[in-house]
């Protein structure tokens, strides 16, 4: 593959990923973060594939930038998901006697 084809794949992967994620309404964004993480994972795999086959320096630079940005987005999504799930967990007891009288 030449540099133009690899750059085209990178741009299309970024565009498709952005369009899919941006279509999710803000109300549903947090519950659907795990699905969005899968999409970001696909973008990351595409960026790694392009970086692995790049022969030109500028294509490699753009692909590595895409890898860094996709990785940051993927990790951030998991952090947000973890925080969301933390809201649904019960509070931990303060000590061994906590909660015996019905209070925490």
N, C-alpha and C. Protein backbone atom coordinates (compact mmCIF):
# COMPACT_ATOMS: atom_id res chain seq x y z
N UNK A 1 0.84 -1.17 0.00
CA UNK A 1 0.00 0.00 0.00
C UNK A 1 0.90 1.24 0.00
N UNK A 2 0.49 2.20 -0.75
CA UNK A 2 1.27 3.44 -0.77
C UNK A 2 0.75 4.38 0.31
N UNK A 3 1.46 5.48 0.50
CA UNK A 3 1.15 6.43 1.56
C UNK A 3 -0.23 7.05 1.47
N UNK A 4 -0.67 7.33 0.25
CA UNK A 4 -1.99 7.96 0.09
C UNK A 4 -3.10 7.00 0.52
N UNK A 5 -2.97 5.73 0.19
CA UNK A 5 -3.99 4.76 0.59
C UNK A 5 -4.02 4.60 2.11
N UNK A 6 -2.85 4.54 2.73
CA UNK A 6 -2.80 4.40 4.18
C UNK A 6 -3.37 5.64 4.88
N UNK A 7 -3.06 6.81 4.35
CA UNK A 7 -3.61 8.03 4.92
C UNK A 7 -5.13 8.07 4.74
N UNK A 8 -5.61 7.60 3.61
CA UNK A 8 -7.05 7.55 3.36
C UNK A 8 -7.74 6.63 4.36
N UNK A 9 -7.15 5.48 4.63
CA UNK A 9 -7.70 4.56 5.62
C UNK A 9 -7.75 5.22 6.99
N UNK A 10 -6.68 5.91 7.37
CA UNK A 10 -6.64 6.58 8.66
C UNK A 10 -7.72 7.64 8.78
N UNK A 11 -7.85 8.47 7.75
CA UNK A 11 -8.85 9.54 7.77
C UNK A 11 -10.26 8.96 7.80
N UNK A 12 -10.51 7.93 7.03
CA UNK A 12 -11.83 7.31 7.04
C UNK A 12 -12.14 6.67 8.38
N UNK A 13 -11.16 6.02 9.00
CA UNK A 13 -11.37 5.41 10.32
C UNK A 13 -11.71 6.47 11.36
N UNK A 14 -10.98 7.58 11.32
CA UNK A 14 -11.26 8.66 12.27
C UNK A 14 -12.64 9.25 12.01
N UNK A 15 -12.98 9.48 10.75
CA UNK A 15 -14.28 10.06 10.40
C UNK A 15 -15.43 9.15 10.81
N UNK A 16 -15.32 7.87 10.50
CA UNK A 16 -16.39 6.92 10.85
C UNK A 16 -16.53 6.83 12.37
N UNK A 17 -15.41 6.73 13.07
CA UNK A 17 -15.45 6.66 14.52
C UNK A 17 -16.08 7.90 15.14
N UNK A 18 -15.71 9.07 14.64
CA UNK A 18 -16.28 10.32 15.14
C UNK A 18 -17.77 10.40 14.87
N UNK A 19 -18.18 10.03 13.67
CA UNK A 19 -19.60 10.10 13.31
C UNK A 19 -20.44 9.14 14.14
N UNK A 20 -19.94 7.95 14.38
CA UNK A 20 -20.71 6.97 15.15
C UNK A 20 -20.85 7.43 16.60
N UNK A 21 -19.76 7.91 17.19
CA UNK A 21 -19.80 8.33 18.59
C UNK A 21 -20.60 9.62 18.75
N UNK A 22 -20.48 10.54 17.81
CA UNK A 22 -21.18 11.82 17.95
C UNK A 22 -22.69 11.69 17.77
N UNK A 23 -23.17 10.62 17.19
CA UNK A 23 -24.60 10.42 17.01
C UNK A 23 -25.30 9.96 18.29
N UNK A 24 -24.53 9.58 19.29
CA UNK A 24 -25.10 9.15 20.56
C UNK A 24 -25.50 10.40 21.34
N UNK A 25 -26.74 10.45 21.81
CA UNK A 25 -27.20 11.63 22.55
C UNK A 25 -26.46 11.71 23.88
N UNK A 26 -26.37 12.91 24.43
CA UNK A 26 -25.62 13.10 25.67
C UNK A 26 -26.26 12.37 26.84
N UNK A 27 -27.55 12.18 26.81
CA UNK A 27 -28.23 11.46 27.89
C UNK A 27 -27.81 9.98 27.90
N UNK A 28 -27.62 9.42 26.75
CA UNK A 28 -27.26 8.00 26.65
C UNK A 28 -25.76 7.76 26.59
N UNK A 29 -24.98 8.82 26.58
CA UNK A 29 -23.55 8.64 26.34
C UNK A 29 -22.88 7.79 27.41
N UNK A 30 -23.15 8.06 28.68
CA UNK A 30 -22.48 7.31 29.74
C UNK A 30 -22.91 5.84 29.77
N UNK A 31 -24.20 5.52 29.68
CA UNK A 31 -24.56 4.09 29.66
C UNK A 31 -24.02 3.34 28.44
N UNK A 32 -23.81 4.05 27.36
CA UNK A 32 -23.32 3.39 26.15
C UNK A 32 -21.81 3.49 25.99
N UNK A 33 -21.11 3.90 27.05
CA UNK A 33 -19.67 4.11 26.95
C UNK A 33 -18.94 2.81 26.63
N UNK A 34 -19.42 1.68 27.14
CA UNK A 34 -18.75 0.41 26.84
C UNK A 34 -18.84 0.09 25.35
N UNK A 35 -19.99 0.37 24.74
CA UNK A 35 -20.10 0.18 23.29
C UNK A 35 -19.21 1.14 22.54
N UNK A 36 -19.12 2.37 23.03
CA UNK A 36 -18.23 3.35 22.40
C UNK A 36 -16.77 2.91 22.54
N UNK A 37 -16.44 2.27 23.66
CA UNK A 37 -15.08 1.76 23.82
C UNK A 37 -14.75 0.71 22.76
N UNK A 38 -15.71 -0.10 22.40
CA UNK A 38 -15.48 -1.08 21.34
C UNK A 38 -15.21 -0.39 20.02
N UNK A 39 -15.94 0.68 19.76
CA UNK A 39 -15.72 1.44 18.53
C UNK A 39 -14.33 2.07 18.54
N UNK A 40 -13.94 2.63 19.69
CA UNK A 40 -12.61 3.22 19.78
C UNK A 40 -11.53 2.15 19.65
N UNK A 41 -11.83 0.95 20.10
CA UNK A 41 -10.89 -0.15 19.93
C UNK A 41 -10.68 -0.48 18.45
N UNK A 42 -11.75 -0.40 17.67
CA UNK A 42 -11.64 -0.64 16.23
C UNK A 42 -10.79 0.44 15.57
N UNK A 43 -11.00 1.68 16.00
CA UNK A 43 -10.19 2.79 15.48
C UNK A 43 -8.73 2.56 15.83
N UNK A 44 -8.47 2.11 17.06
CA UNK A 44 -7.10 1.87 17.49
C UNK A 44 -6.45 0.76 16.66
N UNK A 45 -7.18 -0.30 16.40
CA UNK A 45 -6.64 -1.40 15.58
C UNK A 45 -6.34 -0.90 14.16
N UNK A 46 -7.23 -0.09 13.60
CA UNK A 46 -6.98 0.48 12.28
C UNK A 46 -5.74 1.37 12.26
N UNK A 47 -5.57 2.18 13.28
CA UNK A 47 -4.40 3.06 13.35
C UNK A 47 -3.12 2.26 13.51
N UNK A 48 -3.16 1.20 14.30
CA UNK A 48 -1.98 0.35 14.47
C UNK A 48 -1.64 -0.36 13.16
N UNK A 49 -2.66 -0.81 12.44
CA UNK A 49 -2.44 -1.46 11.15
C UNK A 49 -1.78 -0.51 10.17
N UNK A 50 -2.28 0.70 10.11
CA UNK A 50 -1.69 1.69 9.20
C UNK A 50 -0.26 2.01 9.62
N UNK A 51 -0.02 2.17 10.92
CA UNK A 51 1.33 2.48 11.40
C UNK A 51 2.29 1.34 11.09
N UNK A 52 1.81 0.11 11.16
CA UNK A 52 2.67 -1.04 10.89
C UNK A 52 3.05 -1.19 9.44
N UNK A 53 2.23 -0.66 8.52
CA UNK A 53 2.49 -0.79 7.10
C UNK A 53 3.01 0.49 6.46
N UNK A 54 3.20 1.53 7.25
CA UNK A 54 3.63 2.82 6.71
C UNK A 54 5.07 2.74 6.23
N UNK A 55 5.30 3.31 5.05
CA UNK A 55 6.66 3.36 4.51
C UNK A 55 7.19 4.80 4.48
N UNK A 56 6.28 5.77 4.40
CA UNK A 56 6.68 7.18 4.40
C UNK A 56 6.68 7.69 5.84
N UNK A 57 7.58 8.62 6.10
CA UNK A 57 7.69 9.18 7.45
C UNK A 57 6.47 9.95 7.87
N UNK A 58 5.87 10.71 6.97
CA UNK A 58 4.71 11.52 7.34
C UNK A 58 3.48 10.66 7.59
N UNK A 59 3.36 9.55 6.86
CA UNK A 59 2.24 8.63 7.09
C UNK A 59 2.41 7.97 8.46
N UNK A 60 3.63 7.58 8.77
CA UNK A 60 3.90 6.98 10.08
C UNK A 60 3.60 7.97 11.20
N UNK A 61 3.96 9.23 11.01
CA UNK A 61 3.71 10.25 12.03
C UNK A 61 2.21 10.43 12.26
N UNK A 62 1.44 10.50 11.19
CA UNK A 62 -0.02 10.66 11.32
C UNK A 62 -0.63 9.42 11.96
N UNK A 63 -0.15 8.24 11.57
CA UNK A 63 -0.68 7.00 12.13
C UNK A 63 -0.35 6.89 13.62
N UNK A 64 0.86 7.27 14.00
CA UNK A 64 1.23 7.22 15.42
C UNK A 64 0.42 8.23 16.23
N UNK A 65 0.15 9.39 15.65
CA UNK A 65 -0.71 10.36 16.32
C UNK A 65 -2.11 9.78 16.50
N UNK A 66 -2.61 9.08 15.48
CA UNK A 66 -3.92 8.43 15.59
C UNK A 66 -3.91 7.36 16.67
N UNK A 67 -2.82 6.61 16.78
CA UNK A 67 -2.71 5.58 17.83
C UNK A 67 -2.75 6.23 19.21
N UNK A 68 -2.01 7.32 19.39
CA UNK A 68 -1.98 7.99 20.69
C UNK A 68 -3.36 8.53 21.05
N UNK A 69 -4.01 9.21 20.11
CA UNK A 69 -5.32 9.79 20.39
C UNK A 69 -6.39 8.72 20.63
N UNK A 70 -6.36 7.65 19.85
CA UNK A 70 -7.33 6.56 20.04
C UNK A 70 -7.11 5.86 21.38
N UNK A 71 -5.84 5.70 21.76
CA UNK A 71 -5.54 5.08 23.04
C UNK A 71 -6.04 5.94 24.20
N UNK A 72 -5.79 7.24 24.11
CA UNK A 72 -6.26 8.16 25.16
C UNK A 72 -7.78 8.13 25.25
N UNK A 73 -8.45 8.09 24.13
CA UNK A 73 -9.90 8.06 24.11
C UNK A 73 -10.43 6.75 24.69
N UNK A 74 -9.79 5.65 24.35
CA UNK A 74 -10.20 4.34 24.84
C UNK A 74 -10.02 4.24 26.35
N UNK A 75 -8.87 4.66 26.84
CA UNK A 75 -8.61 4.61 28.29
C UNK A 75 -9.56 5.55 29.02
N UNK A 76 -9.78 6.74 28.48
CA UNK A 76 -10.71 7.67 29.10
C UNK A 76 -12.12 7.11 29.17
N UNK A 77 -12.52 6.39 28.15
CA UNK A 77 -13.84 5.76 28.16
C UNK A 77 -13.98 4.73 29.26
N UNK A 78 -12.92 3.94 29.48
CA UNK A 78 -12.97 2.96 30.56
C UNK A 78 -12.98 3.63 31.92
N UNK A 79 -12.28 4.76 32.06
CA UNK A 79 -12.29 5.49 33.33
C UNK A 79 -13.70 6.02 33.61
N UNK A 80 -14.34 6.58 32.59
CA UNK A 80 -15.70 7.09 32.76
C UNK A 80 -16.66 5.95 33.09
N UNK A 81 -16.52 4.83 32.43
CA UNK A 81 -17.37 3.67 32.71
C UNK A 81 -17.18 3.19 34.14
N UNK A 82 -15.94 3.15 34.59
CA UNK A 82 -15.66 2.72 35.96
C UNK A 82 -16.29 3.68 36.96
N UNK A 83 -16.19 4.97 36.71
CA UNK A 83 -16.82 5.95 37.60
C UNK A 83 -18.34 5.79 37.61
N UNK A 84 -18.91 5.53 36.45
CA UNK A 84 -20.35 5.35 36.37
C UNK A 84 -20.78 4.13 37.19
N UNK A 85 -20.06 3.02 37.04
CA UNK A 85 -20.39 1.81 37.77
C UNK A 85 -20.17 1.98 39.27
N UNK A 86 -19.22 2.84 39.65
CA UNK A 86 -18.96 3.11 41.06
C UNK A 86 -20.18 3.75 41.72
N UNK A 87 -20.97 4.50 40.98
CA UNK A 87 -22.16 5.14 41.53
C UNK A 87 -23.20 4.11 41.97
N UNK A 88 -23.19 2.93 41.36
CA UNK A 88 -24.20 1.92 41.66
C UNK A 88 -23.74 0.92 42.72
N UNK A 89 -22.52 1.03 43.17
CA UNK A 89 -22.03 0.15 44.23
C UNK A 89 -22.40 0.73 45.58
N UNK A 90 -22.64 -0.15 46.54
CA UNK A 90 -22.96 0.32 47.89
C UNK A 90 -21.72 0.89 48.56
N UNK A 91 -21.96 1.72 49.56
CA UNK A 91 -20.84 2.27 50.31
C UNK A 91 -20.25 1.20 51.21
N UNK A 92 -18.94 1.25 51.39
CA UNK A 92 -18.26 0.27 52.24
C UNK A 92 -18.44 0.67 53.70
N UNK A 93 -18.52 -0.32 54.56
CA UNK A 93 -18.67 -0.06 55.98
C UNK A 93 -17.38 0.54 56.53
N UNK A 94 -17.51 1.41 57.54
CA UNK A 94 -16.36 2.09 58.10
C UNK A 94 -15.52 1.15 58.96
N UNK A 95 -16.12 0.20 59.60
CA UNK A 95 -15.38 -0.72 60.46
C UNK A 95 -16.18 -1.98 60.70
N UNK A 96 -15.68 -2.87 61.58
CA UNK A 96 -16.38 -4.14 61.81
C UNK A 96 -17.73 -3.96 62.50
N UNK A 97 -17.91 -2.89 63.29
CA UNK A 97 -19.18 -2.68 63.97
C UNK A 97 -20.14 -1.80 63.21
N UNK A 98 -19.71 -1.26 62.08
CA UNK A 98 -20.56 -0.34 61.32
C UNK A 98 -21.74 -1.08 60.72
N UNK A 99 -22.89 -0.48 60.82
CA UNK A 99 -24.07 -1.04 60.18
C UNK A 99 -24.87 -1.98 61.07
N UNK A 100 -24.42 -2.29 62.29
CA UNK A 100 -25.14 -3.23 63.16
C UNK A 100 -26.46 -2.63 63.65
N UNK A 101 -26.48 -1.30 63.82
CA UNK A 101 -27.71 -0.68 64.31
C UNK A 101 -28.54 -0.09 63.19
N UNK A 102 -28.23 -0.45 61.96
CA UNK A 102 -29.00 0.03 60.82
C UNK A 102 -28.43 1.29 60.19
N UNK A 103 -27.35 1.82 60.76
CA UNK A 103 -26.72 3.02 60.18
C UNK A 103 -25.38 2.63 59.59
N UNK A 104 -24.88 3.52 58.78
CA UNK A 104 -23.57 3.26 58.16
C UNK A 104 -22.57 4.25 58.64
